[in-house]
Amino acid sequence: MQRRSAAAGSEHAGAHGFSALAHLRGLRPDLPVIVISAMDDAHTVRQAMAFGAQGFVSKSGSAEAIGAGVRAVLNGEIVTPPHLAMALSTMPTPVHWRLPVAWRS
């Protein structure tokens, strides 16, 4: 059975916590990835998106909210915490959309 999505935690501080995410994006750029983390500040969400996540859901959310986030990412949507909508509205284009060719496959 082929995986349709991947979930990743981000409890490690700094860019090193997202190295697995960047590696996964390099191996499977077609795989939708959502980060589920207790750290849901704007900086962490921006990093997750820059390293290739299509979605970010807070662990403090309800099971229904987490499930809705996963379903949305599987449907091709980009998901971020609602309380960060204004802070993320000026977010630059995620890095994974501009990855060098060598990283894409």
N, C-alpha and C. Protein backbone atom coordinates (compact mmCIF):
# COMPACT_ATOMS: atom_id res chain seq x y z
N MET A 1 0.84 -1.17 0.00
CA MET A 1 0.00 0.00 0.00
C MET A 1 0.89 1.24 0.00
N GLN A 2 0.64 2.14 -0.90
CA GLN A 2 1.43 3.36 -0.99
C GLN A 2 0.83 4.43 -0.10
N ARG A 3 1.69 5.15 0.63
CA ARG A 3 1.22 6.20 1.52
C ARG A 3 0.71 7.38 0.72
N ARG A 4 -0.38 7.96 1.19
CA ARG A 4 -0.95 9.14 0.55
C ARG A 4 -0.54 10.42 1.26
N SER A 5 -0.05 10.32 2.49
CA SER A 5 0.34 11.51 3.23
C SER A 5 1.36 11.13 4.29
N ALA A 6 1.96 12.15 4.88
CA ALA A 6 2.88 11.94 5.98
C ALA A 6 2.64 13.01 7.01
N ALA A 7 2.83 12.65 8.27
CA ALA A 7 2.72 13.61 9.36
C ALA A 7 4.06 13.68 10.06
N ALA A 8 4.41 14.86 10.54
CA ALA A 8 5.69 15.05 11.21
C ALA A 8 5.51 15.93 12.41
N GLY A 9 6.23 15.64 13.49
CA GLY A 9 6.24 16.50 14.67
C GLY A 9 7.38 17.50 14.56
N SER A 10 7.31 18.58 15.31
CA SER A 10 8.35 19.61 15.19
C SER A 10 8.82 20.10 16.55
N GLU A 11 8.92 19.22 17.50
CA GLU A 11 9.28 19.67 18.84
C GLU A 11 10.75 20.06 18.98
N HIS A 12 11.57 19.79 18.00
CA HIS A 12 12.98 20.16 18.06
C HIS A 12 13.13 21.61 17.63
N ALA A 13 13.92 22.35 18.38
CA ALA A 13 14.09 23.77 18.06
C ALA A 13 14.97 23.97 16.84
N GLY A 14 14.71 25.02 16.12
CA GLY A 14 15.57 25.42 15.00
C GLY A 14 15.36 24.59 13.76
N ALA A 15 16.17 24.90 12.76
CA ALA A 15 16.03 24.25 11.46
C ALA A 15 16.32 22.75 11.52
N HIS A 16 17.14 22.31 12.48
CA HIS A 16 17.46 20.89 12.57
C HIS A 16 16.21 20.05 12.81
N GLY A 17 15.22 20.60 13.49
CA GLY A 17 13.97 19.88 13.72
C GLY A 17 13.18 19.65 12.45
N PHE A 18 13.50 20.37 11.40
CA PHE A 18 12.78 20.23 10.14
C PHE A 18 13.62 19.54 9.07
N SER A 19 14.77 19.04 9.42
CA SER A 19 15.63 18.40 8.42
C SER A 19 14.98 17.15 7.84
N ALA A 20 14.27 16.39 8.66
CA ALA A 20 13.58 15.19 8.14
C ALA A 20 12.48 15.60 7.17
N LEU A 21 11.82 16.71 7.45
CA LEU A 21 10.79 17.20 6.55
C LEU A 21 11.38 17.60 5.20
N ALA A 22 12.49 18.32 5.23
CA ALA A 22 13.16 18.72 3.99
C ALA A 22 13.62 17.49 3.21
N HIS A 23 14.15 16.50 3.92
CA HIS A 23 14.61 15.26 3.28
C HIS A 23 13.43 14.53 2.63
N LEU A 24 12.32 14.44 3.35
CA LEU A 24 11.13 13.78 2.82
C LEU A 24 10.62 14.50 1.57
N ARG A 25 10.61 15.83 1.59
CA ARG A 25 10.17 16.60 0.44
C ARG A 25 11.08 16.35 -0.76
N GLY A 26 12.38 16.17 -0.49
CA GLY A 26 13.30 15.86 -1.57
C GLY A 26 13.05 14.50 -2.18
N LEU A 27 12.71 13.53 -1.33
CA LEU A 27 12.45 12.18 -1.81
C LEU A 27 11.09 12.04 -2.47
N ARG A 28 10.10 12.68 -1.90
CA ARG A 28 8.71 12.53 -2.37
C ARG A 28 8.03 13.89 -2.45
N PRO A 29 8.36 14.70 -3.44
CA PRO A 29 7.76 16.03 -3.54
C PRO A 29 6.25 15.99 -3.77
N ASP A 30 5.75 14.84 -4.20
CA ASP A 30 4.31 14.69 -4.46
C ASP A 30 3.52 14.31 -3.21
N LEU A 31 4.19 13.97 -2.14
CA LEU A 31 3.54 13.48 -0.93
C LEU A 31 3.08 14.65 -0.06
N PRO A 32 1.78 14.78 0.19
CA PRO A 32 1.31 15.85 1.08
C PRO A 32 1.80 15.60 2.51
N VAL A 33 2.34 16.62 3.13
CA VAL A 33 2.88 16.49 4.49
C VAL A 33 2.22 17.52 5.39
N ILE A 34 1.81 17.07 6.57
CA ILE A 34 1.25 17.95 7.58
C ILE A 34 2.07 17.82 8.85
N VAL A 35 2.37 18.93 9.48
CA VAL A 35 3.09 18.95 10.75
C VAL A 35 2.05 19.12 11.85
N ILE A 36 2.13 18.27 12.85
CA ILE A 36 1.25 18.35 14.02
C ILE A 36 2.16 18.60 15.20
N SER A 37 2.03 19.78 15.81
CA SER A 37 3.00 20.20 16.81
C SER A 37 2.33 20.98 17.94
N ALA A 38 2.94 20.90 19.12
CA ALA A 38 2.49 21.70 20.25
C ALA A 38 2.99 23.14 20.13
N MET A 39 4.02 23.34 19.34
CA MET A 39 4.58 24.68 19.14
C MET A 39 3.89 25.29 17.93
N ASP A 40 2.91 26.18 18.17
CA ASP A 40 2.14 26.72 17.06
C ASP A 40 2.26 28.24 16.92
N ASP A 41 3.46 28.74 17.18
CA ASP A 41 3.71 30.16 16.98
C ASP A 41 3.99 30.42 15.50
N ALA A 42 3.90 31.68 15.09
CA ALA A 42 4.05 32.03 13.68
C ALA A 42 5.41 31.62 13.13
N HIS A 43 6.47 31.78 13.91
CA HIS A 43 7.82 31.43 13.44
C HIS A 43 7.90 29.94 13.12
N THR A 44 7.40 29.10 14.01
CA THR A 44 7.46 27.64 13.81
C THR A 44 6.62 27.23 12.60
N VAL A 45 5.44 27.82 12.46
CA VAL A 45 4.58 27.49 11.31
C VAL A 45 5.25 27.92 10.01
N ARG A 46 5.84 29.11 9.99
CA ARG A 46 6.55 29.58 8.79
C ARG A 46 7.68 28.63 8.42
N GLN A 47 8.44 28.18 9.45
CA GLN A 47 9.54 27.24 9.18
C GLN A 47 9.01 25.94 8.59
N ALA A 48 7.96 25.41 9.18
CA ALA A 48 7.40 24.15 8.69
C ALA A 48 6.97 24.28 7.23
N MET A 49 6.31 25.38 6.92
CA MET A 49 5.85 25.59 5.55
C MET A 49 7.04 25.81 4.62
N ALA A 50 8.05 26.53 5.07
CA ALA A 50 9.23 26.76 4.24
C ALA A 50 9.99 25.48 3.96
N PHE A 51 9.96 24.54 4.90
CA PHE A 51 10.65 23.27 4.70
C PHE A 51 9.80 22.24 3.97
N GLY A 52 8.58 22.62 3.58
CA GLY A 52 7.82 21.75 2.70
C GLY A 52 6.49 21.23 3.17
N ALA A 53 6.05 21.60 4.36
CA ALA A 53 4.74 21.13 4.82
C ALA A 53 3.63 21.82 4.06
N GLN A 54 2.57 21.09 3.75
CA GLN A 54 1.39 21.69 3.15
C GLN A 54 0.40 22.10 4.23
N GLY A 55 0.62 21.60 5.42
CA GLY A 55 -0.29 21.93 6.50
C GLY A 55 0.40 21.92 7.84
N PHE A 56 -0.19 22.65 8.77
CA PHE A 56 0.31 22.72 10.14
C PHE A 56 -0.90 22.78 11.05
N VAL A 57 -0.97 21.83 11.97
CA VAL A 57 -2.09 21.75 12.91
C VAL A 57 -1.52 21.69 14.32
N SER A 58 -2.15 22.42 15.23
CA SER A 58 -1.71 22.45 16.62
C SER A 58 -2.20 21.22 17.36
N LYS A 59 -1.33 20.64 18.18
CA LYS A 59 -1.74 19.51 19.02
C LYS A 59 -2.78 19.92 20.04
N SER A 60 -2.88 21.23 20.32
CA SER A 60 -3.86 21.69 21.29
C SER A 60 -5.27 21.70 20.71
N GLY A 61 -5.38 21.48 19.41
CA GLY A 61 -6.69 21.44 18.76
C GLY A 61 -7.43 20.15 19.10
N SER A 62 -8.71 20.15 18.86
CA SER A 62 -9.51 18.96 19.10
C SER A 62 -9.17 17.88 18.09
N ALA A 63 -9.57 16.66 18.41
CA ALA A 63 -9.35 15.55 17.47
C ALA A 63 -10.06 15.84 16.15
N GLU A 64 -11.21 16.49 16.22
CA GLU A 64 -11.95 16.83 15.00
C GLU A 64 -11.17 17.84 14.16
N ALA A 65 -10.57 18.84 14.83
CA ALA A 65 -9.80 19.86 14.11
C ALA A 65 -8.56 19.26 13.46
N ILE A 66 -7.89 18.36 14.18
CA ILE A 66 -6.71 17.71 13.62
C ILE A 66 -7.11 16.85 12.42
N GLY A 67 -8.18 16.09 12.56
CA GLY A 67 -8.67 15.27 11.46
C GLY A 67 -9.07 16.10 10.26
N ALA A 68 -9.73 17.23 10.51
CA ALA A 68 -10.13 18.12 9.42
C ALA A 68 -8.90 18.68 8.70
N GLY A 69 -7.85 18.99 9.45
CA GLY A 69 -6.61 19.48 8.85
C GLY A 69 -5.97 18.43 7.95
N VAL A 70 -5.93 17.21 8.43
CA VAL A 70 -5.35 16.11 7.63
C VAL A 70 -6.17 15.90 6.36
N ARG A 71 -7.49 15.87 6.48
CA ARG A 71 -8.34 15.69 5.29
C ARG A 71 -8.15 16.84 4.30
N ALA A 72 -8.03 18.06 4.82
CA ALA A 72 -7.85 19.21 3.93
C ALA A 72 -6.55 19.11 3.15
N VAL A 73 -5.47 18.72 3.82
CA VAL A 73 -4.18 18.57 3.14
C VAL A 73 -4.27 17.46 2.09
N LEU A 74 -4.95 16.37 2.42
CA LEU A 74 -5.12 15.29 1.44
C LEU A 74 -5.92 15.75 0.22
N ASN A 75 -6.74 16.77 0.40
CA ASN A 75 -7.53 17.32 -0.70
C ASN A 75 -6.80 18.45 -1.42
N GLY A 76 -5.52 18.65 -1.07
CA GLY A 76 -4.72 19.64 -1.78
C GLY A 76 -4.74 21.04 -1.19
N GLU A 77 -5.36 21.22 -0.05
CA GLU A 77 -5.42 22.53 0.58
C GLU A 77 -4.19 22.78 1.44
N ILE A 78 -3.89 24.05 1.66
CA ILE A 78 -2.83 24.44 2.58
C ILE A 78 -3.51 24.82 3.88
N VAL A 79 -3.06 24.24 4.99
CA VAL A 79 -3.72 24.41 6.29
C VAL A 79 -2.74 25.04 7.28
N THR A 80 -3.19 26.10 7.94
CA THR A 80 -2.42 26.73 9.02
C THR A 80 -3.38 27.04 10.16
N PRO A 81 -2.84 27.24 11.37
CA PRO A 81 -3.72 27.56 12.50
C PRO A 81 -4.50 28.86 12.25
N PRO A 82 -5.81 28.84 12.47
CA PRO A 82 -6.65 30.02 12.20
C PRO A 82 -6.19 31.27 12.96
N HIS A 83 -5.68 31.09 14.18
CA HIS A 83 -5.28 32.26 14.98
C HIS A 83 -4.04 32.95 14.41
N LEU A 84 -3.39 32.34 13.42
CA LEU A 84 -2.20 32.95 12.83
C LEU A 84 -2.46 33.49 11.42
N ALA A 85 -3.71 33.55 11.02
CA ALA A 85 -4.04 33.97 9.64
C ALA A 85 -3.42 35.31 9.29
N MET A 86 -3.53 36.29 10.14
CA MET A 86 -2.98 37.62 9.84
C MET A 86 -1.46 37.59 9.80
N ALA A 87 -0.85 36.92 10.77
CA ALA A 87 0.62 36.86 10.84
C ALA A 87 1.21 36.13 9.64
N LEU A 88 0.50 35.14 9.13
CA LEU A 88 1.01 34.34 8.02
C LEU A 88 0.62 34.90 6.65
N SER A 89 -0.24 35.90 6.62
CA SER A 89 -0.69 36.43 5.34
C SER A 89 0.44 37.08 4.55
N THR A 90 1.50 37.46 5.23
CA THR A 90 2.65 38.07 4.54
C THR A 90 3.78 37.07 4.36
N MET A 91 3.48 35.79 4.60
CA MET A 91 4.49 34.74 4.49
C MET A 91 5.00 34.63 3.07
N PRO A 92 6.32 34.59 2.87
CA PRO A 92 6.87 34.43 1.51
C PRO A 92 6.54 33.05 0.95
N THR A 93 6.70 32.90 -0.35
CA THR A 93 6.47 31.63 -1.01
C THR A 93 7.33 30.56 -0.35
N PRO A 94 6.74 29.42 0.04
CA PRO A 94 7.52 28.36 0.69
C PRO A 94 8.71 27.91 -0.16
N VAL A 95 9.78 27.58 0.53
CA VAL A 95 11.02 27.16 -0.12
C VAL A 95 10.79 25.94 -1.01
N HIS A 96 9.94 24.99 -0.60
CA HIS A 96 9.78 23.75 -1.36
C HIS A 96 9.22 24.00 -2.75
N TRP A 97 8.62 25.15 -3.00
CA TRP A 97 8.14 25.46 -4.33
C TRP A 97 9.27 25.90 -5.24
N ARG A 98 10.44 26.18 -4.64
CA ARG A 98 11.58 26.68 -5.41
C ARG A 98 12.81 25.79 -5.23
N LEU A 99 12.62 24.54 -4.86
CA LEU A 99 13.75 23.66 -4.60
C LEU A 99 14.58 23.45 -5.87
N PRO A 100 15.90 23.35 -5.71
CA PRO A 100 16.74 23.03 -6.86
C PRO A 100 16.31 21.70 -7.46
N VAL A 101 16.53 21.52 -8.74
CA VAL A 101 16.12 20.30 -9.44
C VAL A 101 16.66 19.05 -8.77
N ALA A 102 17.88 19.07 -8.26
CA ALA A 102 18.49 17.91 -7.64
C ALA A 102 17.68 17.45 -6.42
N TRP A 103 16.97 18.33 -5.76
CA TRP A 103 16.18 17.97 -4.59
C TRP A 103 14.80 17.45 -4.96
N ARG A 104 14.35 17.69 -6.16
CA ARG A 104 12.97 17.36 -6.52
C ARG A 104 12.73 15.87 -6.72
N SER A 105 13.72 15.13 -7.12
CA SER A 105 13.49 13.69 -7.28
C SER A 105 14.77 12.91 -7.20
